[in-house]
Protein backbone atom coordinates (compact mmCIF):
# COMPACT_ATOMS: atom_id res chain seq x y z
CA MET A 1 61.45 -46.53 -126.85
CA LEU A 2 58.74 -44.56 -125.13
CA ARG A 3 59.14 -41.71 -122.63
CA GLU A 4 61.99 -39.18 -122.33
CA TRP A 5 61.67 -37.21 -125.61
CA ALA A 6 59.28 -39.76 -127.03
CA ILE A 7 55.61 -40.06 -126.21
CA SER A 8 54.55 -41.85 -123.04
CA PRO A 9 52.60 -45.14 -123.38
CA ASP A 10 49.34 -43.52 -122.23
CA PHE A 11 49.64 -40.83 -124.91
CA GLY A 12 50.10 -43.62 -127.47
CA LEU A 13 46.89 -45.26 -126.21
CA LEU A 14 45.10 -41.92 -126.48
CA LEU A 15 46.16 -41.68 -130.14
CA VAL A 16 44.94 -45.23 -130.80
CA ASP A 17 41.59 -44.52 -129.15
CA LEU A 18 41.08 -41.28 -131.09
CA ILE A 19 42.02 -42.91 -134.41
CA ASP A 20 39.65 -45.81 -133.71
CA GLU A 21 36.83 -43.50 -132.69
CA HIS A 22 37.09 -40.93 -135.48
CA ARG A 23 38.74 -42.79 -138.33
CA PRO A 24 40.70 -39.83 -139.75
CA ARG A 25 41.60 -39.87 -143.42
CA VAL A 26 44.44 -37.35 -143.09
CA ILE A 27 46.70 -37.05 -140.04
CA VAL A 28 49.38 -34.37 -139.87
CA GLU A 29 52.04 -34.77 -137.24
CA PHE A 30 54.54 -32.14 -136.10
CA GLY A 31 57.39 -33.93 -134.34
CA GLY A 32 57.51 -37.58 -135.31
CA GLY A 33 58.99 -40.76 -133.90
CA SER A 34 57.16 -43.23 -131.68
CA SER A 35 53.88 -41.43 -132.28
CA THR A 36 54.35 -41.92 -136.03
CA LEU A 37 54.71 -45.66 -135.54
CA VAL A 38 51.63 -45.80 -133.30
CA CYS A 39 49.52 -43.80 -135.76
CA ALA A 40 50.78 -45.73 -138.80
CA TYR A 41 50.13 -49.08 -137.16
CA ARG A 42 46.63 -48.13 -136.10
CA ALA A 43 45.85 -46.53 -139.44
CA SER A 44 47.00 -49.70 -141.22
CA GLN A 45 44.66 -51.81 -139.07
CA ALA A 46 41.60 -49.66 -138.68
CA THR A 47 41.34 -46.93 -141.27
CA ASN A 48 42.13 -45.81 -144.79
CA CYS A 49 44.38 -43.00 -143.68
CA GLY A 50 47.44 -41.06 -144.79
CA ILE A 51 49.95 -39.65 -142.31
CA HIS A 52 52.21 -36.68 -143.02
CA SER A 53 54.90 -36.32 -140.36
CA TYR A 54 57.34 -33.40 -140.03
CA ASP A 55 60.59 -33.31 -138.11
CA HIS A 56 63.30 -30.65 -137.90
CA ASP A 57 66.07 -33.19 -137.20
CA ASP A 58 67.15 -35.10 -140.32
CA SER A 59 68.72 -38.01 -138.40
CA PHE A 60 65.57 -38.41 -136.30
CA ALA A 61 63.40 -38.32 -139.42
CA GLN A 62 65.61 -40.99 -140.99
CA ARG A 63 65.35 -43.21 -137.90
CA THR A 64 61.57 -42.88 -138.04
CA ARG A 65 61.60 -43.89 -141.73
CA GLU A 66 63.75 -46.92 -140.87
CA GLN A 67 61.42 -47.98 -138.04
CA LEU A 68 58.38 -47.64 -140.30
CA GLN A 69 60.09 -49.77 -142.94
CA LYS A 70 61.21 -52.35 -140.36
CA HIS A 71 57.59 -52.76 -139.23
CA GLY A 72 56.14 -52.75 -142.75
CA LEU A 73 54.36 -49.43 -142.18
CA ASP A 74 56.26 -47.18 -144.58
CA SER A 75 53.38 -47.07 -147.05
CA HIS A 76 51.15 -45.50 -144.37
CA ALA A 77 53.26 -42.45 -143.47
CA GLU A 78 55.30 -39.83 -145.29
CA ILE A 79 58.21 -38.48 -143.25
CA HIS A 80 59.31 -34.95 -144.11
CA TYR A 81 62.56 -33.43 -142.93
CA GLU A 82 61.92 -29.70 -142.56
CA PRO A 83 64.61 -27.60 -140.83
CA LEU A 84 63.41 -24.82 -138.58
CA ARG A 85 63.49 -21.37 -140.18
CA PRO A 86 62.05 -17.97 -139.33
CA SER A 87 58.29 -18.05 -139.95
CA GLN A 88 55.48 -15.53 -140.30
CA PHE A 89 54.34 -16.40 -136.77
CA LEU A 90 55.20 -14.31 -133.71
CA ASP A 91 55.46 -15.20 -130.05
CA ASP A 92 53.78 -13.18 -127.29
CA ALA A 93 56.67 -10.67 -127.28
CA GLY A 94 56.40 -10.08 -131.03
CA GLU A 95 59.50 -12.12 -131.86
CA VAL A 96 59.60 -14.41 -134.89
CA ILE A 97 59.05 -18.10 -134.15
CA GLU A 98 61.23 -20.58 -136.01
CA TRP A 99 59.13 -23.36 -137.48
CA TYR A 100 59.22 -26.04 -140.17
CA GLY A 101 60.51 -24.11 -143.15
CA GLY A 102 60.11 -26.22 -146.24
CA GLY A 103 57.46 -26.05 -148.89
CA SER A 104 55.91 -29.47 -148.35
CA ILE A 105 53.52 -28.14 -145.67
CA GLU A 106 51.90 -25.91 -148.28
CA ASN A 107 51.27 -29.05 -150.36
CA LEU A 108 49.32 -30.89 -147.67
CA PRO A 109 45.95 -32.23 -148.76
CA ALA A 110 42.81 -30.41 -147.71
CA ASP A 111 40.51 -31.82 -145.05
CA ILE A 112 43.05 -32.63 -142.35
CA ASP A 113 41.12 -34.65 -139.76
CA MET A 114 43.74 -34.90 -137.02
CA ILE A 115 46.85 -32.95 -136.01
CA VAL A 116 49.32 -34.49 -133.56
CA VAL A 117 51.69 -31.91 -132.05
CA ASP A 118 54.85 -33.14 -130.35
CA GLY A 119 57.36 -30.74 -131.92
CA PRO A 120 59.31 -28.63 -132.40
CA PRO A 121 60.91 -28.91 -128.95
CA SER A 122 59.76 -26.14 -126.65
CA HIS A 123 63.24 -25.72 -125.17
CA LEU A 124 64.08 -23.91 -128.44
CA ASN A 125 61.30 -21.40 -127.84
CA PRO A 126 58.34 -21.64 -125.44
CA TRP A 127 56.09 -20.79 -128.42
CA ALA A 128 57.69 -23.32 -130.79
CA ARG A 129 54.48 -25.35 -131.17
CA TYR A 130 52.11 -22.43 -131.63
CA PRO A 131 52.30 -22.37 -135.49
CA SER A 132 50.97 -25.96 -135.66
CA LEU A 133 47.38 -24.75 -135.78
CA PRO A 134 47.48 -21.47 -137.74
CA ALA A 135 49.90 -22.86 -140.37
CA VAL A 136 47.38 -25.48 -141.52
CA TYR A 137 44.13 -23.85 -140.40
CA ASP A 138 42.82 -23.35 -143.95
CA LYS A 139 43.23 -27.08 -144.65
CA LEU A 140 41.33 -28.43 -141.64
CA SER A 141 38.20 -30.52 -141.91
CA PRO A 142 35.12 -29.13 -140.15
CA ASP A 143 35.49 -31.68 -137.33
CA CYS A 144 39.27 -31.73 -136.96
CA LEU A 145 40.98 -32.83 -133.73
CA LEU A 146 44.30 -31.43 -132.50
CA ILE A 147 46.18 -33.51 -129.93
CA LEU A 148 49.05 -31.84 -128.07
CA ASP A 149 51.59 -33.83 -126.08
CA ASP A 150 53.45 -32.40 -123.04
CA ALA A 151 50.46 -30.23 -122.10
CA ALA A 152 51.49 -30.26 -118.44
CA ARG A 153 54.28 -27.80 -119.28
CA LYS A 154 53.58 -24.10 -118.82
CA SER A 155 54.74 -23.25 -122.36
CA GLU A 156 52.26 -25.68 -123.91
CA GLN A 157 49.48 -24.42 -121.64
CA GLN A 158 50.13 -20.89 -122.90
CA VAL A 159 50.03 -22.13 -126.49
CA VAL A 160 46.67 -23.85 -125.86
CA GLU A 161 45.25 -20.67 -124.28
CA ARG A 162 46.30 -18.67 -127.33
CA TRP A 163 44.84 -21.22 -129.74
CA LEU A 164 41.51 -21.18 -127.92
CA LYS A 165 41.42 -17.39 -127.96
CA GLU A 166 42.31 -17.11 -131.66
CA PHE A 167 40.28 -20.12 -132.84
CA PRO A 168 37.12 -20.09 -130.67
CA GLU A 169 35.42 -22.87 -132.63
CA PHE A 170 37.70 -25.33 -130.79
CA ARG A 171 36.84 -26.78 -127.38
CA LEU A 172 39.42 -28.15 -124.98
CA GLN A 173 39.42 -31.57 -123.38
CA SER A 174 42.28 -32.57 -121.09
CA PRO A 175 42.65 -36.33 -120.72
CA SER A 176 44.95 -37.48 -117.96
CA THR A 177 48.32 -38.64 -119.29
CA GLU A 178 51.79 -38.84 -117.79
CA LYS A 179 53.10 -35.71 -119.55
CA GLY A 180 49.74 -34.02 -119.99
CA ALA A 181 47.64 -33.97 -123.13
CA ALA A 182 45.33 -31.40 -124.64
CA VAL A 183 42.72 -32.37 -127.20
CA LEU A 184 41.15 -29.51 -129.12
CA VAL A 185 37.88 -30.51 -130.73
CA ARG A 186 36.48 -28.49 -133.62
CA GLY A 187 32.85 -28.23 -134.58
CA SER A 188 30.15 -30.60 -133.41
CA ARG A 189 32.46 -33.57 -132.98
CA SER A 190 32.37 -35.21 -129.58
CA ILE A 191 35.01 -37.45 -128.13
CA SER A 192 34.76 -40.00 -125.36
CA ILE A 193 38.09 -39.80 -123.55
């Protein structure tokens, strides 16, 4: 099912287009579900790509695993259940942000080509998605893309502003989608969206 907490259909098409155009080898996803299925399907058809998806809700992670298996895509994506725990990252008021707390993020491969950010839910903390870039920054490829869903919300807009200030090598593109999307482009990469 698309929409509500899941991605909207136009965000799914954006993911497909970006995977087709840039052929990432490593995709990291924070907040899985429908987007995991879309990425895994496209990766299985168009690229030699591994997907590492993180979710803070164990039942949701299990449902995603079951859907991947049902569609024969389970070999294309690893689903990690990582409960939210206090992190080293602070919000704009200096308070600790809870984020994915397990050790598997530290074991991600180097040269991440694409990050898809659709979690943790911002109703938990307006800055909940901020750690998605700094937590993996040292593992990014020179031409990495970051795609943020729900970018029409004020909390996500503030996160994007902070990312651009702290990581000036990224440029922002804002394709039109139902819930808003932000695509941060690193390096010389260009995208046609």
